[in-house]
């Protein structure tokens, strides 16, 4: 599903991923430990940030995208040309600031922790 973005937009990837995440949440709704779900949620957001980083491809495109997402020009240019790979950059602070969790929530990413909590609170 997430292998290198597979040439699809992020919104399409999230749309196809949503039923799978809802199914996982329904399966794990009886769990008492939320730490594993938080870990999976964090890994998934990092993977999605890495997909976007790969889709931007060139440093100039990355810098423009980061500036459009709210980073200063100096920080965006420095981050875009740092020469590190997508996994490192997806965990770095510049992408966490530019693509916060609420960005993915707006696009429709289903949070496992929130869904499990909602399912557990049902009567």
C-alpha atoms as a PDB file:
ATOM      1  CA  UNK A   1       0.000   0.000   0.000  1.00  0.00           C
ATOM      2  CA  UNK A   2       2.737   2.489   0.925  1.00  0.00           C
ATOM      3  CA  UNK A   3       5.558   1.220  -1.241  1.00  0.00           C
ATOM      4  CA  UNK A   4       7.207   4.391  -2.569  1.00  0.00           C
ATOM      5  CA  UNK A   5       3.890   6.142  -3.018  1.00  0.00           C
ATOM      6  CA  UNK A   6       3.227   4.077  -6.151  1.00  0.00           C
ATOM      7  CA  UNK A   7       2.726   7.187  -8.258  1.00  0.00           C
ATOM      8  CA  UNK A   8      -0.480   8.184  -6.531  1.00  0.00           C
ATOM      9  CA  UNK A   9      -1.531  11.350  -4.795  1.00  0.00           C
ATOM     10  CA  UNK A  10      -1.447  11.463  -1.027  1.00  0.00           C
ATOM     11  CA  UNK A  11      -5.212  11.928  -0.828  1.00  0.00           C
ATOM     12  CA  UNK A  12      -5.764   8.776  -2.916  1.00  0.00           C
ATOM     13  CA  UNK A  13      -3.345   6.828  -0.736  1.00  0.00           C
ATOM     14  CA  UNK A  14      -5.166   7.984   2.416  1.00  0.00           C
ATOM     15  CA  UNK A  15      -8.541   7.168   0.870  1.00  0.00           C
ATOM     16  CA  UNK A  16      -7.485   3.565   0.201  1.00  0.00           C
ATOM     17  CA  UNK A  17      -5.736   3.289   3.568  1.00  0.00           C
ATOM     18  CA  UNK A  18      -8.705   4.489   5.669  1.00  0.00           C
ATOM     19  CA  UNK A  19     -10.775   1.238   5.584  1.00  0.00           C
ATOM     20  CA  UNK A  20      -7.713  -0.793   6.540  1.00  0.00           C
ATOM     21  CA  UNK A  21      -6.980   1.449   9.531  1.00  0.00           C
ATOM     22  CA  UNK A  22     -10.619   1.380  10.624  1.00  0.00           C
ATOM     23  CA  UNK A  23     -10.518  -2.412  10.450  1.00  0.00           C
ATOM     24  CA  UNK A  24      -7.372  -2.531  12.583  1.00  0.00           C
ATOM     25  CA  UNK A  25      -9.002  -0.197  15.100  1.00  0.00           C
ATOM     26  CA  UNK A  26     -12.074  -2.407  15.275  1.00  0.00           C
ATOM     27  CA  UNK A  27      -9.892  -5.506  15.743  1.00  0.00           C
ATOM     28  CA  UNK A  28      -7.775  -3.910  18.490  1.00  0.00           C
ATOM     29  CA  UNK A  29     -10.585  -2.052  20.248  1.00  0.00           C
ATOM     30  CA  UNK A  30     -10.331  -4.291  23.312  1.00  0.00           C
ATOM     31  CA  UNK A  31      -6.671  -3.528  23.920  1.00  0.00           C
ATOM     32  CA  UNK A  32      -5.776  -1.750  27.123  1.00  0.00           C
ATOM     33  CA  UNK A  33      -2.364  -0.599  25.870  1.00  0.00           C
ATOM     34  CA  UNK A  34      -2.354   2.459  23.679  1.00  0.00           C
ATOM     35  CA  UNK A  35       1.435   2.644  23.281  1.00  0.00           C
ATOM     36  CA  UNK A  36       1.518   0.184  20.359  1.00  0.00           C
ATOM     37  CA  UNK A  37      -1.243   2.082  18.559  1.00  0.00           C
ATOM     38  CA  UNK A  38       0.590   5.389  19.091  1.00  0.00           C
ATOM     39  CA  UNK A  39       3.741   3.814  17.661  1.00  0.00           C
ATOM     40  CA  UNK A  40       1.915   2.615  14.544  1.00  0.00           C
ATOM     41  CA  UNK A  41       0.249   6.024  14.129  1.00  0.00           C
ATOM     42  CA  UNK A  42       3.612   7.785  14.360  1.00  0.00           C
ATOM     43  CA  UNK A  43       5.288   5.361  11.959  1.00  0.00           C
ATOM     44  CA  UNK A  44       2.484   5.806   9.450  1.00  0.00           C
ATOM     45  CA  UNK A  45       2.678   9.606   9.507  1.00  0.00           C
ATOM     46  CA  UNK A  46       6.450   9.423   9.113  1.00  0.00           C
ATOM     47  CA  UNK A  47       6.050   7.083   6.144  1.00  0.00           C
ATOM     48  CA  UNK A  48       3.556   9.488   4.532  1.00  0.00           C
ATOM     49  CA  UNK A  49       5.960  12.405   5.034  1.00  0.00           C
ATOM     50  CA  UNK A  50       8.643  10.319   3.324  1.00  0.00           C
ATOM     51  CA  UNK A  51       6.322   9.614   0.396  1.00  0.00           C
ATOM     52  CA  UNK A  52       5.732  13.336  -0.061  1.00  0.00           C
ATOM     53  CA  UNK A  53       9.476  14.007   0.182  1.00  0.00           C
ATOM     54  CA  UNK A  54      10.080  11.477  -2.608  1.00  0.00           C
ATOM     55  CA  UNK A  55       7.297  12.892  -4.757  1.00  0.00           C
ATOM     56  CA  UNK A  56       8.822  16.370  -4.606  1.00  0.00           C
ATOM     57  CA  UNK A  57      12.034  14.849  -6.088  1.00  0.00           C
ATOM     58  CA  UNK A  58      14.209  17.939  -6.686  1.00  0.00           C
ATOM     59  CA  UNK A  59      15.633  20.333  -4.079  1.00  0.00           C
ATOM     60  CA  UNK A  60      13.989  23.350  -5.735  1.00  0.00           C
ATOM     61  CA  UNK A  61      10.582  21.653  -5.664  1.00  0.00           C
ATOM     62  CA  UNK A  62      11.123  20.610  -2.054  1.00  0.00           C
ATOM     63  CA  UNK A  63      12.073  24.149  -1.049  1.00  0.00           C
ATOM     64  CA  UNK A  64       9.007  25.630  -2.783  1.00  0.00           C
ATOM     65  CA  UNK A  65       6.716  23.059  -1.173  1.00  0.00           C
ATOM     66  CA  UNK A  66       8.193  23.659   2.284  1.00  0.00           C
ATOM     67  CA  UNK A  67       7.823  27.426   1.900  1.00  0.00           C
ATOM     68  CA  UNK A  68       4.219  26.950   0.765  1.00  0.00           C
ATOM     69  CA  UNK A  69       3.639  24.887   3.916  1.00  0.00           C
ATOM     70  CA  UNK A  70       4.914  27.663   6.168  1.00  0.00           C
ATOM     71  CA  UNK A  71       8.677  27.293   6.588  1.00  0.00           C
ATOM     72  CA  UNK A  72      10.911  30.318   6.195  1.00  0.00           C
ATOM     73  CA  UNK A  73      12.870  30.588   2.962  1.00  0.00           C
ATOM     74  CA  UNK A  74      16.244  30.033   4.626  1.00  0.00           C
ATOM     75  CA  UNK A  75      15.099  26.964   6.564  1.00  0.00           C
ATOM     76  CA  UNK A  76      13.267  25.526   3.547  1.00  0.00           C
ATOM     77  CA  UNK A  77      16.292  25.896   1.252  1.00  0.00           C
ATOM     78  CA  UNK A  78      18.653  24.455   3.848  1.00  0.00           C
ATOM     79  CA  UNK A  79      16.330  21.507   4.518  1.00  0.00           C
ATOM     80  CA  UNK A  80      15.637  20.820   0.844  1.00  0.00           C
ATOM     81  CA  UNK A  81      19.322  20.511  -0.011  1.00  0.00           C
ATOM     82  CA  UNK A  82      20.598  18.637   3.036  1.00  0.00           C
ATOM     83  CA  UNK A  83      21.441  15.484   1.017  1.00  0.00           C
ATOM     84  CA  UNK A  84      19.858  13.077   3.469  1.00  0.00           C
ATOM     85  CA  UNK A  85      17.343  10.427   2.552  1.00  0.00           C
ATOM     86  CA  UNK A  86      13.556  10.464   2.786  1.00  0.00           C
ATOM     87  CA  UNK A  87      13.349   8.422   5.991  1.00  0.00           C
ATOM     88  CA  UNK A  88      15.715  10.762   7.837  1.00  0.00           C
ATOM     89  CA  UNK A  89      13.946  13.854   6.527  1.00  0.00           C
ATOM     90  CA  UNK A  90      10.501  12.480   7.387  1.00  0.00           C
ATOM     91  CA  UNK A  91      11.577  12.303  11.029  1.00  0.00           C
ATOM     92  CA  UNK A  92      13.295  15.688  11.023  1.00  0.00           C
ATOM     93  CA  UNK A  93      11.795  18.765  12.607  1.00  0.00           C
ATOM     94  CA  UNK A  94      11.402  20.701   9.367  1.00  0.00           C
ATOM     95  CA  UNK A  95       8.919  18.196   7.959  1.00  0.00           C
ATOM     96  CA  UNK A  96       7.155  17.767  11.280  1.00  0.00           C
ATOM     97  CA  UNK A  97       6.599  21.528  11.381  1.00  0.00           C
ATOM     98  CA  UNK A  98       5.568  21.754   7.720  1.00  0.00           C
ATOM     99  CA  UNK A  99       3.381  18.619   7.812  1.00  0.00           C
ATOM    100  CA  UNK A 100       1.961  18.353  11.344  1.00  0.00           C
ATOM    101  CA  UNK A 101      -0.474  15.668  12.442  1.00  0.00           C
ATOM    102  CA  UNK A 102      -3.456  17.941  11.812  1.00  0.00           C
ATOM    103  CA  UNK A 103      -2.410  18.220   8.146  1.00  0.00           C
ATOM    104  CA  UNK A 104      -2.933  14.478   7.728  1.00  0.00           C
ATOM    105  CA  UNK A 105      -6.141  14.584   9.761  1.00  0.00           C
ATOM    106  CA  UNK A 106      -7.507  17.220   7.363  1.00  0.00           C
ATOM    107  CA  UNK A 107      -6.670  14.952   4.434  1.00  0.00           C
ATOM    108  CA  UNK A 108      -8.605  12.110   6.064  1.00  0.00           C
ATOM    109  CA  UNK A 109      -5.985   9.998   7.829  1.00  0.00           C
ATOM    110  CA  UNK A 110      -7.681   7.799  10.404  1.00  0.00           C
ATOM    111  CA  UNK A 111      -5.938   7.864  13.783  1.00  0.00           C
ATOM    112  CA  UNK A 112      -5.827   4.402  15.345  1.00  0.00           C
ATOM    113  CA  UNK A 113      -5.684   5.750  18.893  1.00  0.00           C
ATOM    114  CA  UNK A 114      -8.635   8.120  18.446  1.00  0.00           C
ATOM    115  CA  UNK A 115     -10.724   5.472  16.682  1.00  0.00           C
ATOM    116  CA  UNK A 116     -10.043   2.850  19.361  1.00  0.00           C
ATOM    117  CA  UNK A 117     -10.887   5.324  22.129  1.00  0.00           C
ATOM    118  CA  UNK A 118     -14.122   6.223  20.312  1.00  0.00           C
ATOM    119  CA  UNK A 119     -15.020   2.539  19.864  1.00  0.00           C
ATOM    120  CA  UNK A 120     -14.258   1.765  23.514  1.00  0.00           C
ATOM    121  CA  UNK A 121     -16.479   4.585  24.744  1.00  0.00           C
ATOM    122  CA  UNK A 122     -19.516   3.300  22.839  1.00  0.00           C
ATOM    123  CA  UNK A 123     -22.225   1.771  25.042  1.00  0.00           C
END
